[in-house]
Amino acid sequence: LLNEGFEVDVVSDCISSRLKSNIALALVNMRESGASITSLEMCVFELVKKAKTDNFREILSVIK
């Protein structure tokens, strides 16, 4: 995706591997290649954007 010009965000707490060390290496490699590394909570908050909405309050209750 990066090679095709897309902006790539990797949700780090939503990936898996048999070995935790493989996750760490993959995240380093993706970051060095130009991907942004984020968490699910940060990703959701970026998508919702405004804190004073019903959507935000509903999502916040699920995340907590």
PDB file of N, CA and C in Angstrom:
ATOM      1  N   LEU A   1       0.820  -1.190   0.000  1.00  0.00           N
ATOM      2  CA  LEU A   1       0.000   0.000   0.000  1.00  0.00           C
ATOM      3  C   LEU A   1       0.865   1.255   0.000  1.00  0.00           C
ATOM      4  N   LEU A   2       1.921   1.240   0.800  1.00  0.00           N
ATOM      5  CA  LEU A   2       2.819   2.391   0.819  1.00  0.00           C
ATOM      6  C   LEU A   2       3.426   2.629  -0.557  1.00  0.00           C
ATOM      7  N   ASN A   3       3.800   1.558  -1.226  1.00  0.00           N
ATOM      8  CA  ASN A   3       4.388   1.683  -2.566  1.00  0.00           C
ATOM      9  C   ASN A   3       3.409   2.236  -3.585  1.00  0.00           C
ATOM     10  N   GLU A   4       2.116   2.092  -3.318  1.00  0.00           N
ATOM     11  CA  GLU A   4       1.079   2.607  -4.215  1.00  0.00           C
ATOM     12  C   GLU A   4       0.671   4.031  -3.854  1.00  0.00           C
ATOM     13  N   GLY A   5       1.318   4.602  -2.831  1.00  0.00           N
ATOM     14  CA  GLY A   5       1.039   5.980  -2.450  1.00  0.00           C
ATOM     15  C   GLY A   5      -0.031   6.160  -1.391  1.00  0.00           C
ATOM     16  N   PHE A   6      -0.483   5.067  -0.791  1.00  0.00           N
ATOM     17  CA  PHE A   6      -1.495   5.164   0.257  1.00  0.00           C
ATOM     18  C   PHE A   6      -0.850   5.527   1.590  1.00  0.00           C
ATOM     19  N   GLU A   7      -1.595   6.253   2.415  1.00  0.00           N
ATOM     20  CA  GLU A   7      -1.186   6.490   3.791  1.00  0.00           C
ATOM     21  C   GLU A   7      -1.625   5.272   4.594  1.00  0.00           C
ATOM     22  N   VAL A   8      -0.705   4.680   5.326  1.00  0.00           N
ATOM     23  CA  VAL A   8      -0.992   3.441   6.051  1.00  0.00           C
ATOM     24  C   VAL A   8      -0.890   3.685   7.554  1.00  0.00           C
ATOM     25  N   ASP A   9      -1.958   3.335   8.265  1.00  0.00           N
ATOM     26  CA  ASP A   9      -1.974   3.375   9.725  1.00  0.00           C
ATOM     27  C   ASP A   9      -2.110   1.943  10.221  1.00  0.00           C
ATOM     28  N   VAL A  10      -1.188   1.517  11.064  1.00  0.00           N
ATOM     29  CA  VAL A  10      -1.210   0.171  11.626  1.00  0.00           C
ATOM     30  C   VAL A  10      -1.721   0.267  13.064  1.00  0.00           C
ATOM     31  N   VAL A  11      -2.780  -0.448  13.353  1.00  0.00           N
ATOM     32  CA  VAL A  11      -3.363  -0.446  14.698  1.00  0.00           C
ATOM     33  C   VAL A  11      -2.628  -1.525  15.495  1.00  0.00           C
ATOM     34  N   SER A  12      -1.655  -1.081  16.281  1.00  0.00           N
ATOM     35  CA  SER A  12      -0.690  -1.999  16.887  1.00  0.00           C
ATOM     36  C   SER A  12      -1.288  -2.998  17.872  1.00  0.00           C
ATOM     37  N   ASP A  13      -2.372  -2.632  18.542  1.00  0.00           N
ATOM     38  CA  ASP A  13      -2.952  -3.580  19.488  1.00  0.00           C
ATOM     39  C   ASP A  13      -4.011  -4.472  18.839  1.00  0.00           C
ATOM     40  N   CYS A  14      -4.032  -4.487  17.511  1.00  0.00           N
ATOM     41  CA  CYS A  14      -4.964  -5.352  16.769  1.00  0.00           C
ATOM     42  C   CYS A  14      -4.219  -6.291  15.831  1.00  0.00           C
ATOM     43  N   ILE A  15      -2.943  -6.509  16.113  1.00  0.00           N
ATOM     44  CA  ILE A  15      -2.165  -7.449  15.307  1.00  0.00           C
ATOM     45  C   ILE A  15      -1.691  -8.587  16.206  1.00  0.00           C
ATOM     46  N   SER A  16      -1.318  -9.683  15.576  1.00  0.00           N
ATOM     47  CA  SER A  16      -0.953 -10.860  16.349  1.00  0.00           C
ATOM     48  C   SER A  16       0.165 -11.629  15.660  1.00  0.00           C
ATOM     49  N   SER A  17       0.872 -12.396  16.446  1.00  0.00           N
ATOM     50  CA  SER A  17       1.909 -13.285  15.943  1.00  0.00           C
ATOM     51  C   SER A  17       2.153 -14.352  17.008  1.00  0.00           C
ATOM     52  N   ARG A  18       2.748 -15.439  16.592  1.00  0.00           N
ATOM     53  CA  ARG A  18       3.095 -16.471  17.576  1.00  0.00           C
ATOM     54  C   ARG A  18       4.079 -15.928  18.605  1.00  0.00           C
ATOM     55  N   LEU A  19       5.000 -15.085  18.150  1.00  0.00           N
ATOM     56  CA  LEU A  19       6.038 -14.545  19.032  1.00  0.00           C
ATOM     57  C   LEU A  19       5.900 -13.032  19.162  1.00  0.00           C
ATOM     58  N   LYS A  20       5.938 -12.534  20.404  1.00  0.00           N
ATOM     59  CA  LYS A  20       5.854 -11.088  20.614  1.00  0.00           C
ATOM     60  C   LYS A  20       7.002 -10.362  19.929  1.00  0.00           C
ATOM     61  N   SER A  21       8.161 -10.997  19.851  1.00  0.00           N
ATOM     62  CA  SER A  21       9.306 -10.354  19.206  1.00  0.00           C
ATOM     63  C   SER A  21       9.037 -10.104  17.726  1.00  0.00           C
ATOM     64  N   ASN A  22       8.253 -10.964  17.093  1.00  0.00           N
ATOM     65  CA  ASN A  22       7.907 -10.739  15.685  1.00  0.00           C
ATOM     66  C   ASN A  22       7.019  -9.512  15.520  1.00  0.00           C
ATOM     67  N   ILE A  23       6.130  -9.282  16.480  1.00  0.00           N
ATOM     68  CA  ILE A  23       5.280  -8.097  16.427  1.00  0.00           C
ATOM     69  C   ILE A  23       6.145  -6.846  16.508  1.00  0.00           C
ATOM     70  N   ALA A  24       7.066  -6.831  17.456  1.00  0.00           N
ATOM     71  CA  ALA A  24       7.941  -5.670  17.628  1.00  0.00           C
ATOM     72  C   ALA A  24       8.753  -5.404  16.364  1.00  0.00           C
ATOM     73  N   LEU A  25       9.304  -6.448  15.777  1.00  0.00           N
ATOM     74  CA  LEU A  25      10.089  -6.285  14.551  1.00  0.00           C
ATOM     75  C   LEU A  25       9.228  -5.792  13.395  1.00  0.00           C
ATOM     76  N   ALA A  26       8.034  -6.335  13.278  1.00  0.00           N
ATOM     77  CA  ALA A  26       7.133  -5.918  12.202  1.00  0.00           C
ATOM     78  C   ALA A  26       6.753  -4.452  12.350  1.00  0.00           C
ATOM     79  N   LEU A  27       6.478  -4.013  13.578  1.00  0.00           N
ATOM     80  CA  LEU A  27       6.125  -2.611  13.798  1.00  0.00           C
ATOM     81  C   LEU A  27       7.284  -1.682  13.453  1.00  0.00           C
ATOM     82  N   VAL A  28       8.490  -2.074  13.836  1.00  0.00           N
ATOM     83  CA  VAL A  28       9.675  -1.274  13.490  1.00  0.00           C
ATOM     84  C   VAL A  28       9.826  -1.201  11.978  1.00  0.00           C
ATOM     85  N   ASN A  29       9.708  -2.329  11.304  1.00  0.00           N
ATOM     86  CA  ASN A  29       9.854  -2.356   9.846  1.00  0.00           C
ATOM     87  C   ASN A  29       8.794  -1.504   9.159  1.00  0.00           C
ATOM     88  N   MET A  30       7.556  -1.608   9.620  1.00  0.00           N
ATOM     89  CA  MET A  30       6.486  -0.819   8.998  1.00  0.00           C
ATOM     90  C   MET A  30       6.687   0.669   9.243  1.00  0.00           C
ATOM     91  N   ARG A  31       7.093   1.041  10.457  1.00  0.00           N
ATOM     92  CA  ARG A  31       7.343   2.451  10.762  1.00  0.00           C
ATOM     93  C   ARG A  31       8.481   2.985   9.889  1.00  0.00           C
ATOM     94  N   GLU A  32       9.561   2.220   9.778  1.00  0.00           N
ATOM     95  CA  GLU A  32      10.701   2.650   8.964  1.00  0.00           C
ATOM     96  C   GLU A  32      10.342   2.743   7.488  1.00  0.00           C
ATOM     97  N   SER A  33       9.331   1.998   7.065  1.00  0.00           N
ATOM     98  CA  SER A  33       8.882   2.043   5.672  1.00  0.00           C
ATOM     99  C   SER A  33       7.910   3.187   5.414  1.00  0.00           C
ATOM    100  N   GLY A  34       7.468   3.855   6.494  1.00  0.00           N
ATOM    101  CA  GLY A  34       6.595   5.006   6.311  1.00  0.00           C
ATOM    102  C   GLY A  34       5.194   4.877   6.866  1.00  0.00           C
ATOM    103  N   ALA A  35       4.880   3.755   7.474  1.00  0.00           N
ATOM    104  CA  ALA A  35       3.548   3.584   8.067  1.00  0.00           C
ATOM    105  C   ALA A  35       3.485   4.303   9.411  1.00  0.00           C
ATOM    106  N   SER A  36       2.294   4.755   9.764  1.00  0.00           N
ATOM    107  CA  SER A  36       2.056   5.329  11.086  1.00  0.00           C
ATOM    108  C   SER A  36       1.563   4.215  11.997  1.00  0.00           C
ATOM    109  N   ILE A  37       2.069   4.196  13.218  1.00  0.00           N
ATOM    110  CA  ILE A  37       1.662   3.187  14.181  1.00  0.00           C
ATOM    111  C   ILE A  37       0.742   3.865  15.192  1.00  0.00           C
ATOM    112  N   THR A  38      -0.411   3.263  15.433  1.00  0.00           N
ATOM    113  CA  THR A  38      -1.395   3.840  16.339  1.00  0.00           C
ATOM    114  C   THR A  38      -2.014   2.729  17.178  1.00  0.00           C
ATOM    115  N   SER A  39      -2.884   3.101  18.093  1.00  0.00           N
ATOM    116  CA  SER A  39      -3.621   2.116  18.894  1.00  0.00           C
ATOM    117  C   SER A  39      -5.088   2.172  18.493  1.00  0.00           C
ATOM    118  N   LEU A  40      -5.846   1.181  18.890  1.00  0.00           N
ATOM    119  CA  LEU A  40      -7.269   1.162  18.567  1.00  0.00           C
ATOM    120  C   LEU A  40      -7.976   2.372  19.171  1.00  0.00           C
ATOM    121  N   GLU A  41      -7.661   2.676  20.420  1.00  0.00           N
ATOM    122  CA  GLU A  41      -8.306   3.817  21.078  1.00  0.00           C
ATOM    123  C   GLU A  41      -8.013   5.117  20.332  1.00  0.00           C
ATOM    124  N   MET A  42      -6.757   5.340  19.965  1.00  0.00           N
ATOM    125  CA  MET A  42      -6.399   6.553  19.226  1.00  0.00           C
ATOM    126  C   MET A  42      -7.094   6.593  17.873  1.00  0.00           C
ATOM    127  N   CYS A  43      -7.152   5.464  17.213  1.00  0.00           N
ATOM    128  CA  CYS A  43      -7.793   5.369  15.899  1.00  0.00           C
ATOM    129  C   CYS A  43      -9.275   5.728  15.990  1.00  0.00           C
ATOM    130  N   VAL A  44      -9.959   5.174  16.964  1.00  0.00           N
ATOM    131  CA  VAL A  44     -11.390   5.448  17.133  1.00  0.00           C
ATOM    132  C   VAL A  44     -11.613   6.918  17.447  1.00  0.00           C
ATOM    133  N   PHE A  45     -10.806   7.483  18.335  1.00  0.00           N
ATOM    134  CA  PHE A  45     -10.965   8.896  18.679  1.00  0.00           C
ATOM    135  C   PHE A  45     -10.719   9.785  17.463  1.00  0.00           C
ATOM    136  N   GLU A  46      -9.755   9.424  16.625  1.00  0.00           N
ATOM    137  CA  GLU A  46      -9.510  10.197  15.403  1.00  0.00           C
ATOM    138  C   GLU A  46     -10.698  10.110  14.449  1.00  0.00           C
ATOM    139  N   LEU A  47     -11.330   8.956  14.378  1.00  0.00           N
ATOM    140  CA  LEU A  47     -12.482   8.794  13.494  1.00  0.00           C
ATOM    141  C   LEU A  47     -13.701   9.562  13.998  1.00  0.00           C
ATOM    142  N   VAL A  48     -13.906   9.582  15.302  1.00  0.00           N
ATOM    143  CA  VAL A  48     -15.068  10.262  15.873  1.00  0.00           C
ATOM    144  C   VAL A  48     -14.872  11.776  15.858  1.00  0.00           C
ATOM    145  N   LYS A  49     -13.680  12.240  16.183  1.00  0.00           N
ATOM    146  CA  LYS A  49     -13.214  13.631  16.122  1.00  0.00           C
ATOM    147  C   LYS A  49     -13.809  14.581  17.152  1.00  0.00           C
ATOM    148  N   LYS A  50     -15.080  14.564  17.399  1.00  0.00           N
ATOM    149  CA  LYS A  50     -15.679  15.539  18.308  1.00  0.00           C
ATOM    150  C   LYS A  50     -16.155  14.860  19.586  1.00  0.00           C
ATOM    151  N   ALA A  51     -15.712  15.389  20.728  1.00  0.00           N
ATOM    152  CA  ALA A  51     -16.017  14.767  22.012  1.00  0.00           C
ATOM    153  C   ALA A  51     -17.431  15.050  22.502  1.00  0.00           C
ATOM    154  N   LYS A  52     -18.068  16.079  22.005  1.00  0.00           N
ATOM    155  CA  LYS A  52     -19.388  16.447  22.523  1.00  0.00           C
ATOM    156  C   LYS A  52     -20.522  15.888  21.672  1.00  0.00           C
ATOM    157  N   THR A  53     -20.322  14.712  21.121  1.00  0.00           N
ATOM    158  CA  THR A  53     -21.363  14.089  20.309  1.00  0.00           C
ATOM    159  C   THR A  53     -21.838  12.802  20.976  1.00  0.00           C
ATOM    160  N   ASP A  54     -23.031  12.388  20.610  1.00  0.00           N
ATOM    161  CA  ASP A  54     -23.554  11.122  21.144  1.00  0.00           C
ATOM    162  C   ASP A  54     -22.686   9.949  20.719  1.00  0.00           C
ATOM    163  N   ASN A  55     -22.169  10.000  19.478  1.00  0.00           N
ATOM    164  CA  ASN A  55     -21.303   8.919  18.989  1.00  0.00           C
ATOM    165  C   ASN A  55     -20.077   8.768  19.873  1.00  0.00           C
ATOM    166  N   PHE A  56     -19.472   9.891  20.235  1.00  0.00           N
ATOM    167  CA  PHE A  56     -18.273   9.842  21.064  1.00  0.00           C
ATOM    168  C   PHE A  56     -18.580   9.206  22.417  1.00  0.00           C
ATOM    169  N   ARG A  57     -19.648   9.647  23.048  1.00  0.00           N
ATOM    170  CA  ARG A  57     -20.005   9.115  24.368  1.00  0.00           C
ATOM    171  C   ARG A  57     -20.287   7.613  24.303  1.00  0.00           C
ATOM    172  N   GLU A  58     -20.966   7.200  23.258  1.00  0.00           N
ATOM    173  CA  GLU A  58     -21.284   5.781  23.100  1.00  0.00           C
ATOM    174  C   GLU A  58     -20.015   4.960  22.901  1.00  0.00           C
ATOM    175  N   ILE A  59     -19.134   5.438  22.052  1.00  0.00           N
ATOM    176  CA  ILE A  59     -17.882   4.720  21.788  1.00  0.00           C
ATOM    177  C   ILE A  59     -16.997   4.723  23.026  1.00  0.00           C
ATOM    178  N   LEU A  60     -16.955   5.841  23.735  1.00  0.00           N
ATOM    179  CA  LEU A  60     -16.150   5.934  24.945  1.00  0.00           C
ATOM    180  C   LEU A  60     -16.580   4.888  25.971  1.00  0.00           C
ATOM    181  N   SER A  61     -17.875   4.660  26.090  1.00  0.00           N
ATOM    182  CA  SER A  61     -18.350   3.658  27.048  1.00  0.00           C
ATOM    183  C   SER A  61     -17.912   2.252  26.655  1.00  0.00           C
ATOM    184  N   VAL A  62     -17.770   1.990  25.379  1.00  0.00           N
ATOM    185  CA  VAL A  62     -17.316   0.673  24.908  1.00  0.00           C
ATOM    186  C   VAL A  62     -15.819   0.516  25.141  1.00  0.00           C
ATOM    187  N   ILE A  63     -15.056   1.557  24.877  1.00  0.00           N
ATOM    188  CA  ILE A  63     -13.596   1.496  25.014  1.00  0.00           C
ATOM    189  C   ILE A  63     -13.179   1.359  26.471  1.00  0.00           C
ATOM    190  N   LYS A  64     -13.857   2.071  27.355  1.00  0.00           N
ATOM    191  CA  LYS A  64     -13.501   1.993  28.781  1.00  0.00           C
ATOM    192  C   LYS A  64     -13.866   0.629  29.298  1.00  0.00           C
TER     193      LYS A  64
END
